[in-house]
Protein backbone atom coordinates (compact mmCIF):
# COMPACT_ATOMS: atom_id res chain seq x y z
CA MET A 1 19.70 23.67 -60.97
CA ILE A 2 16.01 22.87 -61.51
CA ASN A 3 15.14 21.18 -64.81
CA PHE A 4 11.70 19.80 -65.72
CA VAL A 5 9.04 19.52 -68.43
CA ALA A 6 5.75 21.35 -67.82
CA LEU A 7 2.75 19.10 -67.16
CA ASN A 8 -0.91 19.46 -68.14
CA THR A 9 -1.58 21.01 -64.73
CA ASP A 10 1.02 23.71 -65.52
CA ASP A 11 -0.60 24.81 -68.78
CA GLY A 12 -1.46 28.52 -68.85
CA LYS A 13 0.22 29.34 -65.53
CA ARG A 14 2.95 31.94 -64.95
CA ILE A 15 6.46 30.57 -64.87
CA ASP A 16 7.06 31.63 -61.24
CA ARG A 17 4.07 29.57 -60.07
CA VAL A 18 5.13 26.58 -62.16
CA ILE A 19 8.66 26.60 -60.73
CA GLN A 20 7.26 27.02 -57.22
CA ASN A 21 4.95 24.02 -57.63
CA HIS A 22 7.64 21.76 -59.09
CA PHE A 23 10.10 22.56 -56.34
CA ASN A 24 7.90 22.16 -53.27
CA GLY A 25 7.08 25.80 -52.63
CA VAL A 26 10.35 27.61 -53.32
CA ALA A 27 9.95 31.25 -52.24
CA ARG A 28 8.85 33.60 -54.98
CA ASN A 29 11.50 36.20 -54.13
CA VAL A 30 14.14 33.57 -55.03
CA ILE A 31 12.40 32.94 -58.36
CA TYR A 32 12.01 36.66 -59.08
CA LYS A 33 15.72 37.17 -58.44
CA ALA A 34 16.55 34.35 -60.87
CA LEU A 35 14.27 35.92 -63.48
CA ARG A 36 15.89 39.35 -63.05
CA LYS A 37 19.34 37.78 -63.50
CA ARG A 38 18.06 35.85 -66.56
CA ASP A 39 18.90 32.58 -64.80
CA VAL A 40 15.71 30.96 -66.06
CA LYS A 41 15.38 29.29 -69.47
CA LEU A 42 12.14 28.41 -71.26
CA ASN A 43 12.69 26.00 -74.16
CA GLY A 44 16.35 26.98 -74.28
CA THR A 45 15.78 30.76 -74.26
CA ARG A 46 16.66 32.87 -71.23
CA VAL A 47 13.66 34.81 -69.93
CA SER A 48 13.39 37.71 -67.52
CA ASP A 49 9.61 38.18 -67.43
CA ASN A 50 6.85 36.18 -65.78
CA ILE A 51 5.60 34.60 -68.98
CA VAL A 52 3.01 31.85 -69.35
CA VAL A 53 4.09 28.21 -69.58
CA HIS A 54 2.37 25.55 -71.69
CA THR A 55 2.28 21.75 -71.50
CA GLY A 56 5.52 20.21 -72.75
CA ASP A 57 7.66 23.33 -72.29
CA ASN A 58 11.12 22.73 -70.87
CA VAL A 59 11.95 24.89 -67.85
CA ILE A 60 15.44 25.30 -66.45
CA ALA A 61 16.17 27.52 -63.45
CA TYR A 62 19.75 27.97 -62.26
CA ILE A 63 18.84 28.06 -58.57
CA SER A 64 20.70 26.15 -55.87
CA GLU A 65 18.49 23.48 -54.32
CA GLU A 66 19.89 24.38 -50.90
CA ILE A 67 18.92 28.02 -51.37
CA CYS A 68 15.43 26.90 -52.37
CA LYS A 69 15.02 24.66 -49.35
CA ASP A 70 16.30 27.31 -46.93
CA SER A 71 13.89 29.90 -48.30
CA ILE A 72 10.69 27.84 -48.08
CA LYS A 73 10.07 27.86 -44.33
CA GLU A 74 11.12 31.49 -43.86
CA SER A 75 8.93 32.85 -46.64
CA LEU A 76 5.75 30.75 -46.41
CA TYR A 77 5.29 29.85 -42.75
CA GLU A 78 6.98 29.86 -39.38
CA THR A 79 6.66 27.45 -36.49
CA VAL A 80 5.17 29.09 -33.39
CA TYR A 81 5.25 25.97 -31.20
CA SER A 82 5.95 22.24 -31.55
CA ASP A 83 6.19 19.20 -29.31
CA ASP A 84 5.57 15.45 -29.68
CA ASN A 85 1.80 15.97 -30.01
CA ILE A 86 1.10 19.20 -31.88
CA ILE A 87 2.55 21.84 -34.18
CA VAL A 88 1.28 25.43 -34.29
CA VAL A 89 2.41 27.43 -37.31
CA SER A 90 1.71 30.88 -38.69
CA LYS A 91 1.23 30.81 -42.46
CA LYS A 92 1.56 33.58 -44.99
CA GLN A 93 -1.41 34.83 -46.97
CA GLY A 94 -1.77 33.24 -50.40
CA LEU A 95 -0.76 29.76 -49.18
CA ALA A 96 -3.55 27.16 -49.12
CA VAL A 97 -3.58 24.94 -46.03
CA GLN A 98 -4.08 21.86 -48.23
CA ARG A 99 -3.97 21.15 -51.94
CA ASP A 100 -7.00 22.32 -53.90
CA LYS A 101 -8.08 22.33 -57.56
CA ASN A 102 -4.99 24.42 -58.43
CA ASP A 103 -2.79 21.55 -57.17
CA GLU A 104 -0.24 23.98 -55.74
CA THR A 105 2.10 23.20 -52.86
CA SER A 106 0.21 23.63 -49.60
CA LEU A 107 1.01 24.36 -45.97
CA LEU A 108 0.36 20.71 -45.16
CA ASP A 109 2.90 19.62 -47.80
CA LEU A 110 5.54 21.92 -46.34
CA VAL A 111 4.93 20.91 -42.72
CA LYS A 112 5.03 17.22 -43.63
CA SER A 113 8.34 17.74 -45.45
CA GLU A 114 9.81 19.24 -42.26
CA TYR A 115 8.12 17.27 -39.48
CA GLY A 116 7.11 13.99 -41.12
CA PRO A 117 4.18 12.39 -42.98
CA SER A 118 2.06 11.75 -39.87
CA CYS A 119 1.21 15.46 -39.50
CA GLU A 120 -2.40 16.39 -40.33
CA LEU A 121 -4.53 19.52 -40.17
CA CYS A 122 -6.88 19.93 -37.21
CA HIS A 123 -8.78 22.88 -38.73
CA ARG A 124 -8.54 25.21 -41.74
CA ILE A 125 -8.31 28.87 -42.63
CA ASP A 126 -8.73 30.46 -46.06
CA ARG A 127 -5.87 30.63 -48.54
CA ASN A 128 -5.83 34.44 -48.37
CA THR A 129 -6.14 34.58 -44.58
CA GLY A 130 -2.84 34.52 -42.75
CA GLY A 131 -1.99 33.37 -39.26
CA LEU A 132 -2.25 30.44 -36.90
CA VAL A 133 -2.97 26.86 -37.90
CA VAL A 134 -2.81 23.79 -35.62
CA LEU A 135 -1.67 20.36 -36.80
CA GLY A 136 -1.55 17.06 -34.97
CA ARG A 137 1.64 15.01 -35.12
CA ASN A 138 -0.15 11.68 -34.89
CA GLU A 139 -3.64 10.31 -35.50
CA ASN A 140 -4.69 10.36 -31.84
CA TRP A 141 -3.84 14.01 -31.32
CA THR A 142 -5.24 15.06 -34.67
CA GLN A 143 -8.60 13.54 -33.78
CA LEU A 144 -8.50 14.95 -30.24
CA LEU A 145 -7.76 18.48 -31.42
CA MET A 146 -10.47 18.30 -34.07
CA GLN A 147 -12.91 17.40 -31.27
CA LYS A 148 -11.62 20.31 -29.17
CA PHE A 149 -12.29 22.72 -32.04
CA GLU A 150 -15.76 21.26 -32.53
CA SER A 151 -16.61 21.58 -28.83
CA HIS A 152 -15.25 25.18 -28.74
CA GLU A 153 -12.52 24.25 -26.26
CA ILE A 154 -10.09 26.10 -28.50
CA LYS A 155 -10.90 29.81 -28.77
CA LYS A 156 -10.06 31.48 -32.09
CA GLU A 157 -9.12 35.15 -32.28
CA TYR A 158 -8.68 37.28 -35.40
CA LYS A 159 -7.59 40.76 -36.35
CA CYS A 160 -8.91 42.46 -39.47
CA ILE A 161 -9.43 45.79 -41.17
CA VAL A 162 -12.82 46.68 -42.61
CA PHE A 163 -14.13 49.55 -44.68
CA GLY A 164 -16.21 52.19 -42.91
CA LYS A 165 -16.46 53.58 -39.40
CA LEU A 166 -17.34 51.45 -36.40
CA GLU A 167 -17.53 52.88 -32.90
CA LEU A 168 -14.49 52.37 -30.69
CA SER A 169 -15.20 50.04 -27.79
CA ASP A 170 -13.51 48.05 -25.03
CA GLU A 171 -16.36 45.52 -25.11
CA TYR A 172 -17.20 42.94 -27.75
CA THR A 173 -20.43 43.21 -29.74
CA ASP A 174 -22.04 39.79 -30.19
CA VAL A 175 -23.62 39.53 -33.65
CA LYS A 176 -25.84 36.52 -34.33
CA ALA A 177 -27.05 35.51 -37.77
CA TRP A 178 -27.64 32.48 -39.99
CA LEU A 179 -25.19 31.34 -42.64
CA PHE A 180 -26.10 29.33 -45.73
CA LYS A 181 -23.29 27.72 -47.74
CA ASP A 182 -23.86 27.44 -51.50
CA ASN A 183 -21.29 24.88 -52.63
CA LYS A 184 -22.09 25.35 -56.32
CA LYS A 185 -21.31 29.07 -56.19
CA SER A 186 -18.51 28.72 -53.60
CA LEU A 187 -20.23 31.45 -51.60
CA VAL A 188 -22.00 31.79 -48.29
CA PHE A 189 -25.04 33.95 -47.62
CA ILE A 190 -26.00 35.63 -44.35
CA TYR A 191 -29.54 36.00 -43.03
CA ASP A 192 -30.76 37.92 -40.00
CA GLU A 193 -33.46 35.34 -39.27
CA PRO A 194 -33.54 31.51 -39.40
CA HIS A 195 -33.42 30.29 -42.99
CA LYS A 196 -33.82 26.87 -44.57
CA GLY A 197 -30.47 25.10 -44.74
CA ALA A 198 -28.68 27.86 -42.82
CA ARG A 199 -26.73 27.39 -39.59
CA GLU A 200 -26.62 29.85 -36.72
CA ILE A 201 -23.39 31.81 -36.30
CA HIS A 202 -21.97 34.01 -33.52
CA THR A 203 -19.29 36.60 -34.21
CA LEU A 204 -17.92 38.87 -31.49
CA TYR A 205 -16.07 42.00 -32.57
CA LYS A 206 -14.76 45.26 -31.16
CA CYS A 207 -13.25 48.24 -32.94
CA VAL A 208 -9.87 49.21 -31.47
CA ARG A 209 -8.89 51.90 -33.98
CA TYR A 210 -10.42 53.99 -36.73
CA ASP A 211 -8.35 55.59 -39.51
CA GLU A 212 -10.36 58.59 -40.69
CA SER A 213 -8.04 59.33 -43.62
CA LYS A 214 -8.66 55.87 -45.08
CA ASN A 215 -12.14 55.34 -43.61
CA MET A 216 -11.05 51.97 -42.22
CA SER A 217 -11.78 50.34 -38.85
CA TYR A 218 -9.37 47.95 -37.14
CA LEU A 219 -11.15 45.09 -35.41
CA GLU A 220 -10.43 42.32 -32.95
CA ILE A 221 -12.74 39.34 -33.45
CA GLU A 222 -13.57 36.18 -31.54
CA LEU A 223 -15.58 33.33 -33.02
CA GLU A 224 -18.16 31.36 -31.08
CA THR A 225 -18.79 29.36 -34.25
CA GLY A 226 -16.35 28.69 -37.06
CA ARG A 227 -18.27 28.45 -40.33
CA THR A 228 -16.91 28.87 -43.85
CA HIS A 229 -16.08 32.53 -44.63
CA GLN A 230 -17.94 33.54 -41.46
CA ILE A 231 -16.03 36.74 -40.67
CA ARG A 232 -15.77 37.90 -44.27
CA ALA A 233 -19.42 37.30 -45.12
CA GLN A 234 -20.84 38.62 -41.85
CA MET A 235 -18.84 41.84 -41.87
CA ALA A 236 -19.88 42.44 -45.49
CA HIS A 237 -23.50 41.77 -44.47
CA LEU A 238 -23.12 44.46 -41.80
CA GLY A 239 -21.94 46.90 -44.47
CA HIS A 240 -18.25 46.72 -43.53
CA PRO A 241 -16.46 44.30 -45.88
CA VAL A 242 -12.94 43.19 -45.05
CA VAL A 243 -10.38 45.32 -46.87
CA GLY A 244 -8.96 43.46 -49.88
CA ASP A 245 -11.67 40.78 -49.93
CA GLY A 246 -12.40 40.07 -53.58
CA LYS A 247 -15.33 37.75 -52.92
CA TYR A 248 -17.51 39.65 -50.43
CA GLY A 249 -16.15 43.16 -50.96
CA THR A 250 -16.13 45.41 -54.02
CA ASN A 251 -13.31 45.65 -56.56
CA LEU A 252 -13.62 49.43 -56.73
CA GLN A 253 -12.86 49.82 -53.03
CA ASN A 254 -10.17 47.15 -53.03
CA ARG A 255 -8.23 48.66 -55.91
CA LYS A 256 -7.72 51.84 -53.90
CA CYS A 257 -6.48 50.23 -50.67
CA GLY A 258 -3.20 48.69 -51.85
CA PHE A 259 -3.52 45.38 -49.98
CA ASN A 260 -2.19 42.29 -51.73
CA TYR A 261 -4.58 40.02 -49.81
CA GLN A 262 -7.63 40.42 -47.59
CA ALA A 263 -6.75 42.14 -44.32
CA LEU A 264 -7.69 39.21 -42.10
CA TRP A 265 -5.33 37.39 -39.76
CA ALA A 266 -5.78 34.44 -37.37
CA SER A 267 -3.92 36.14 -34.54
CA GLY A 268 -4.64 34.06 -31.43
CA LEU A 269 -5.54 30.57 -30.23
CA GLU A 270 -6.37 29.69 -26.64
CA PHE A 271 -6.60 26.10 -25.39
CA LYS A 272 -9.36 25.89 -22.76
CA PHE A 273 -8.12 22.53 -21.57
CA ASP A 274 -5.07 21.40 -19.64
CA TYR A 275 -1.97 21.66 -21.81
CA PRO A 276 1.62 22.83 -21.19
CA VAL A 277 1.07 25.83 -23.46
CA VAL A 278 -2.44 27.25 -23.73
CA TYR A 279 -2.10 30.49 -25.71
CA PHE A 280 -0.50 31.16 -29.08
CA VAL A 281 -0.21 34.46 -30.92
CA SER A 282 0.77 35.67 -34.38
CA LYS A 283 1.28 39.27 -35.50
CA PRO A 284 -0.67 40.38 -38.59
CA ASP A 285 1.29 40.74 -41.81
CA TYR A 286 -1.43 42.06 -44.06
CA LYS A 287 0.72 43.02 -47.02
């Protein structure tokens, strides 16, 4: 049984999110099942809907702690590879790699709970992007891997779906542009020519399939640079926003496509330095 009092940080949030945060990322399907069975109480009253919680509310969920713990790893991330130096995981979309202003349980929290407190992120991907993330298991390897990412000795590959038709090709198209990050607006802007405060970016993409009925192109992408929102912003700049992207796409298009998150997945990582395993892969799980 889970029993707690809602905090200030819980105020105004749905009860499923509040329970998930208080119990270290318990899978939502477990919470939804408890709600359907009316095994959740809010201030002494059994509830079956995802209602909003306020500061000071008492929440009780009749969920086995063992069931909760067993469901976390399966539902939110899976380990692709681990040894004494590194961990490579594939995370679900909707899970932040580290805690942000929402103060929700993150991938880093979950990995540390399984592998120990010395684990740290070596790079980041967006909350709503799924796929591969590398963590170091000690300070030396964390710093080394961060340097390898910075020096482009780790190649990053992505798969995504974009709106519109792009020509099928076996070869990558190298698109260069300049990206400016506006921290106040939490947006990036793309320019075709050098721009004050902007950094040069290189995105390589090829279209491997086109769905005429949906007017969607399926892309494989490699990054020569890894800037904030690079793929999402650059594809939108080219007139082909990532399907489901609420920031750089359009709500009208997204509402019709039926994707829960943006159709972008970190599908491959290749170590270009000597290591026992040099290539890691994760299959897209867009929905």
